[in-house]
Amino acid sequence: MAVTEDKSSRSSLNWLLLLLSLVVLACLLALGTWQVQRLQWKEALLAQIEVRINAEPADLASIERIYAETGDVEYRPMRVEGAFRHTGERHYFATWKGQSGYFVHTPLRLEDGRFIFVNRGFVPFDRKEADTRAEGQIVGGVRISGLARNGIGEKPSFIVPDNDIGQNIFYWKDLGTMASTAGLPEAARVLPFYVDADDSPNAGGLPVGGVTRIDMPNSHLQYAITWYGLAAALCGVLFVWWRRNRRRS
């Protein structure tokens, strides 16, 4: 009687372990498949970016039309003309080539009175204030070439610090707040995207342009191999377990 109960308990335990193993196996296979799908999405995105950044620069009207139709002008080459309003500089905390400092975002007044922010490039911490790089504060009409960038509607993550408006230090590119704190004329219209200026030198060497980062790690294949590898290992364990139980029976 005791032997029968012991066999019954062992059998129940075996079935429970088998069920749990199958659930884990299903999860591993699902994670691997998800990473394959992410890999396909990332490769398509990188291919799209490659096509965009190598396209001919478009004028502002064309970029605006694309934005109105799709809401996406990220990394599209463009040209824009206007005059900088240097008193409205906004400073975005950043690192460039191992050095910490700021990307200088300056409102550019267009011929029709509207404004677009231009990321003119990098300045180190001790050159944050405009009077320390007066040579680069271009007066009068300018023509800017660079890459269009989508505006960001909300803070990317809770780990990103809040923007320090009082110190004019931005940790995420809130164009709305940048515009409202830049001292622009009342009711001024600011475009919902901005421009990363190219690496054309500025007088005095600052800001340093051409700071656009196209840094999109693509590790999905490694992740997929990891999940599928774990699934294969689990299948191996289950096979050995099944053979042992079959011999016992």
Protein backbone atom coordinates (compact mmCIF):
# COMPACT_ATOMS: atom_id res chain seq x y z
CA MET A 1 0.00 0.00 0.00
CA ALA A 2 2.79 2.45 0.93
CA VAL A 3 4.71 1.55 -2.24
CA THR A 4 1.64 2.31 -4.38
CA GLU A 5 1.12 5.68 -2.70
CA ASP A 6 4.81 6.52 -3.16
CA LYS A 7 4.63 5.71 -6.87
CA SER A 8 1.47 7.78 -7.21
CA SER A 9 3.09 10.78 -5.49
CA ARG A 10 6.19 10.47 -7.67
CA SER A 11 4.05 10.27 -10.78
CA SER A 12 2.09 13.39 -9.80
CA LEU A 13 5.32 15.25 -9.11
CA ASN A 14 6.74 14.19 -12.46
CA TRP A 15 3.66 15.44 -14.30
CA LEU A 16 3.82 18.75 -12.42
CA LEU A 17 7.50 19.20 -13.31
CA LEU A 18 6.77 18.31 -16.92
CA LEU A 19 3.95 20.85 -17.07
CA LEU A 20 6.12 23.60 -15.57
CA SER A 21 8.95 22.75 -17.96
CA LEU A 22 6.62 23.01 -20.95
CA VAL A 23 5.38 26.40 -19.75
CA VAL A 24 8.99 27.62 -19.42
CA LEU A 25 9.80 26.19 -22.85
CA ALA A 26 6.86 28.03 -24.40
CA CYS A 27 8.03 31.28 -22.77
CA LEU A 28 11.59 30.82 -24.06
CA LEU A 29 10.38 30.14 -27.60
CA ALA A 30 8.06 33.16 -27.44
CA LEU A 31 10.92 35.42 -26.29
CA GLY A 32 13.17 34.12 -29.06
CA THR A 33 10.48 34.72 -31.68
CA TRP A 34 9.85 38.22 -30.33
CA GLN A 35 13.55 39.04 -30.68
CA VAL A 36 13.52 37.80 -34.29
CA GLN A 37 10.62 40.14 -34.98
CA ARG A 38 12.48 42.98 -33.27
CA LEU A 39 15.54 42.18 -35.38
CA GLN A 40 13.51 42.50 -38.58
CA TRP A 41 12.03 45.80 -37.36
CA LYS A 42 15.45 47.19 -36.37
CA GLU A 43 17.06 46.21 -39.67
CA ALA A 44 14.23 47.88 -41.61
CA LEU A 45 14.59 51.01 -39.46
CA LEU A 46 18.36 51.19 -39.97
CA ALA A 47 17.88 50.73 -43.72
CA GLN A 48 15.34 53.56 -43.73
CA ILE A 49 17.72 55.85 -41.83
CA GLU A 50 20.53 55.03 -44.25
CA VAL A 51 18.34 56.02 -47.20
CA ARG A 52 17.24 59.23 -45.49
CA ILE A 53 20.62 60.56 -44.42
CA ASN A 54 22.01 60.02 -47.93
CA ALA A 55 19.13 61.82 -49.67
CA GLU A 56 19.45 65.28 -51.19
CA PRO A 57 18.70 68.11 -48.73
CA ALA A 58 15.11 69.37 -48.89
CA ASP A 59 13.88 72.90 -48.29
CA LEU A 60 11.80 73.78 -45.26
CA ALA A 61 8.51 73.73 -47.16
CA SER A 62 9.10 70.12 -48.23
CA ILE A 63 10.01 69.06 -44.70
CA GLU A 64 6.91 70.75 -43.32
CA ARG A 65 4.75 68.94 -45.86
CA ILE A 66 6.24 65.59 -44.90
CA TYR A 67 5.74 66.36 -41.22
CA ALA A 68 2.11 67.33 -41.81
CA GLU A 69 1.49 64.05 -43.64
CA THR A 70 3.46 61.62 -41.48
CA GLY A 71 4.56 63.37 -38.29
CA ASP A 72 8.04 61.98 -38.94
CA VAL A 73 10.98 63.90 -40.41
CA GLU A 74 13.70 62.21 -38.38
CA TYR A 75 17.15 62.31 -40.03
CA ARG A 76 15.94 63.94 -43.25
CA PRO A 77 18.57 66.32 -44.70
CA MET A 78 17.26 69.87 -44.98
CA ARG A 79 18.19 73.51 -45.50
CA VAL A 80 16.73 76.51 -43.76
CA GLU A 81 17.46 80.24 -43.79
CA GLY A 82 16.89 82.88 -41.16
CA ALA A 83 18.54 84.88 -38.39
CA PHE A 84 19.59 83.52 -35.01
CA ARG A 85 18.06 84.90 -31.84
CA HIS A 86 21.04 84.18 -29.62
CA THR A 87 19.41 85.52 -26.46
CA GLY A 88 17.08 82.52 -26.62
CA GLU A 89 19.79 79.86 -26.45
CA ARG A 90 18.70 76.70 -24.66
CA HIS A 91 21.35 74.32 -23.38
CA TYR A 92 20.95 70.55 -23.53
CA PHE A 93 23.26 68.53 -21.28
CA ALA A 94 25.36 66.21 -23.45
CA THR A 95 28.70 64.54 -24.01
CA TRP A 96 30.67 64.72 -27.22
CA LYS A 97 33.79 62.73 -27.97
CA GLY A 98 34.30 61.97 -24.29
CA GLN A 99 33.85 65.55 -23.07
CA SER A 100 30.84 66.76 -21.09
CA GLY A 101 29.07 70.00 -21.86
CA TYR A 102 26.03 71.19 -23.77
CA PHE A 103 24.41 71.17 -27.16
CA VAL A 104 23.40 74.74 -27.94
CA HIS A 105 19.85 75.01 -29.29
CA THR A 106 19.19 78.45 -30.72
CA PRO A 107 15.90 79.75 -32.16
CA LEU A 108 16.21 80.76 -35.81
CA ARG A 109 13.79 83.43 -36.95
CA LEU A 110 12.38 82.61 -40.37
CA GLU A 111 11.42 85.17 -43.00
CA ASP A 112 7.71 84.72 -42.20
CA GLY A 113 8.26 85.43 -38.50
CA ARG A 114 8.08 81.86 -37.27
CA PHE A 115 10.94 80.17 -35.41
CA ILE A 116 12.70 76.83 -35.62
CA PHE A 117 15.27 75.61 -33.10
CA VAL A 118 18.70 74.75 -34.45
CA ASN A 119 21.05 72.48 -32.55
CA ARG A 120 24.20 74.38 -33.45
CA GLY A 121 26.46 71.85 -31.75
CA PHE A 122 28.61 71.20 -28.71
CA VAL A 123 30.27 73.55 -26.23
CA PRO A 124 32.19 72.46 -23.10
CA PHE A 125 30.98 73.35 -19.61
CA ASP A 126 33.14 76.45 -19.29
CA ARG A 127 31.85 77.85 -22.60
CA LYS A 128 28.15 77.54 -21.79
CA GLU A 129 27.59 81.28 -21.58
CA ALA A 130 27.37 83.02 -24.95
CA ASP A 131 29.79 85.81 -24.01
CA THR A 132 32.61 83.25 -23.71
CA ARG A 133 32.30 82.42 -27.43
CA ALA A 134 31.20 85.73 -28.91
CA GLU A 135 32.88 85.03 -32.24
CA GLY A 136 30.46 82.21 -32.93
CA GLN A 137 27.35 84.33 -32.29
CA ILE A 138 26.59 85.01 -35.94
CA VAL A 139 24.63 88.19 -36.65
CA GLY A 140 22.35 88.57 -39.66
CA GLY A 141 21.05 86.08 -42.16
CA VAL A 142 22.41 82.52 -42.17
CA ARG A 143 21.76 79.39 -44.16
CA ILE A 144 21.78 76.18 -42.14
CA SER A 145 22.15 72.68 -43.51
CA GLY A 146 21.60 69.66 -41.32
CA LEU A 147 19.27 66.86 -40.34
CA ALA A 148 15.67 67.37 -39.29
CA ARG A 149 14.76 65.84 -35.93
CA ASN A 150 11.36 65.04 -34.48
CA GLY A 151 10.31 66.85 -31.34
CA ILE A 152 9.78 64.84 -28.15
CA GLY A 153 6.36 65.02 -26.55
CA GLU A 154 7.24 63.67 -23.12
CA LYS A 155 10.16 62.72 -20.91
CA PRO A 156 11.71 59.54 -22.34
CA SER A 157 12.06 57.77 -18.98
CA PHE A 158 11.56 58.32 -15.26
CA ILE A 159 15.32 57.98 -14.78
CA VAL A 160 15.92 61.12 -16.89
CA PRO A 161 16.17 64.17 -14.60
CA ASP A 162 13.66 66.98 -14.86
CA ASN A 163 14.78 69.94 -16.92
CA ASP A 164 16.33 72.70 -14.82
CA ILE A 165 14.64 75.74 -16.29
CA GLY A 166 16.20 78.17 -13.82
CA GLN A 167 19.73 77.16 -14.81
CA ASN A 168 18.80 76.74 -18.48
CA ILE A 169 19.87 73.09 -18.49
CA PHE A 170 17.72 70.60 -20.38
CA TYR A 171 18.02 66.85 -19.92
CA TRP A 172 15.42 66.05 -22.53
CA LYS A 173 14.39 68.13 -25.53
CA ASP A 174 11.06 69.58 -24.53
CA LEU A 175 10.60 71.97 -27.45
CA GLY A 176 7.49 73.49 -25.91
CA THR A 177 9.33 74.52 -22.74
CA MET A 178 12.39 75.56 -24.73
CA ALA A 179 10.20 77.88 -26.77
CA SER A 180 8.24 79.29 -23.82
CA THR A 181 11.43 80.10 -21.87
CA ALA A 182 13.50 81.50 -24.74
CA GLY A 183 12.11 85.03 -24.54
CA LEU A 184 10.48 84.84 -27.96
CA PRO A 185 7.82 87.36 -28.96
CA GLU A 186 4.37 86.72 -27.54
CA ALA A 187 2.34 84.32 -29.67
CA ALA A 188 5.44 83.40 -31.69
CA ARG A 189 4.98 80.20 -33.69
CA VAL A 190 7.70 77.60 -33.20
CA LEU A 191 7.94 74.61 -35.53
CA PRO A 192 7.37 71.21 -33.83
CA PHE A 193 10.66 69.77 -35.10
CA TYR A 194 14.22 71.07 -35.00
CA VAL A 195 17.46 70.88 -36.99
CA ASP A 196 20.80 69.35 -36.08
CA ALA A 197 23.27 71.60 -37.90
CA ASP A 198 25.99 69.92 -39.94
CA ASP A 199 29.70 70.18 -39.18
CA SER A 200 30.28 73.44 -41.06
CA PRO A 201 32.74 75.37 -38.82
CA ASN A 202 31.45 78.25 -36.74
CA ALA A 203 33.60 81.35 -36.22
CA GLY A 204 35.88 80.85 -33.25
CA GLY A 205 35.35 77.09 -33.43
CA LEU A 206 32.27 76.98 -31.20
CA PRO A 207 29.73 75.51 -31.16
CA VAL A 208 31.09 72.35 -32.82
CA GLY A 209 28.44 71.20 -35.29
CA GLY A 210 27.67 67.82 -36.76
CA VAL A 211 26.81 66.20 -33.44
CA THR A 212 23.90 64.04 -34.61
CA ARG A 213 24.15 60.57 -33.11
CA ILE A 214 22.67 57.69 -35.03
CA ASP A 215 23.40 55.12 -32.37
CA MET A 216 20.96 52.23 -32.49
CA PRO A 217 22.43 49.06 -31.02
CA ASN A 218 21.20 45.97 -32.83
CA SER A 219 21.70 43.05 -30.45
CA HIS A 220 18.42 41.29 -31.20
CA LEU A 221 20.09 38.40 -33.03
CA GLN A 222 22.25 37.62 -29.99
CA TYR A 223 19.18 37.81 -27.75
CA ALA A 224 17.24 35.49 -30.05
CA ILE A 225 20.10 32.98 -30.08
CA THR A 226 20.24 33.14 -26.28
CA TRP A 227 16.53 32.44 -25.80
CA TYR A 228 16.43 29.70 -28.43
CA GLY A 229 19.62 28.23 -26.96
CA LEU A 230 18.04 28.05 -23.52
CA ALA A 231 14.98 26.43 -25.07
CA ALA A 232 17.19 23.83 -26.78
CA ALA A 233 19.01 23.15 -23.50
CA LEU A 234 15.70 22.67 -21.71
CA CYS A 235 14.60 20.23 -24.41
CA GLY A 236 17.83 18.29 -23.82
CA VAL A 237 17.17 18.14 -20.08
CA LEU A 238 13.59 16.98 -20.68
CA PHE A 239 14.79 14.25 -23.04
CA VAL A 240 17.30 12.91 -20.50
CA TRP A 241 14.65 13.05 -17.78
CA TRP A 242 12.16 11.18 -19.99
CA ARG A 243 14.68 8.40 -20.79
CA ARG A 244 15.53 7.90 -17.14
CA ASN A 245 11.89 7.65 -16.15
CA ARG A 246 11.22 5.25 -18.99
CA ARG A 247 14.02 2.93 -17.83
CA ARG A 248 12.68 2.98 -14.27
CA SER A 249 9.20 2.08 -15.45
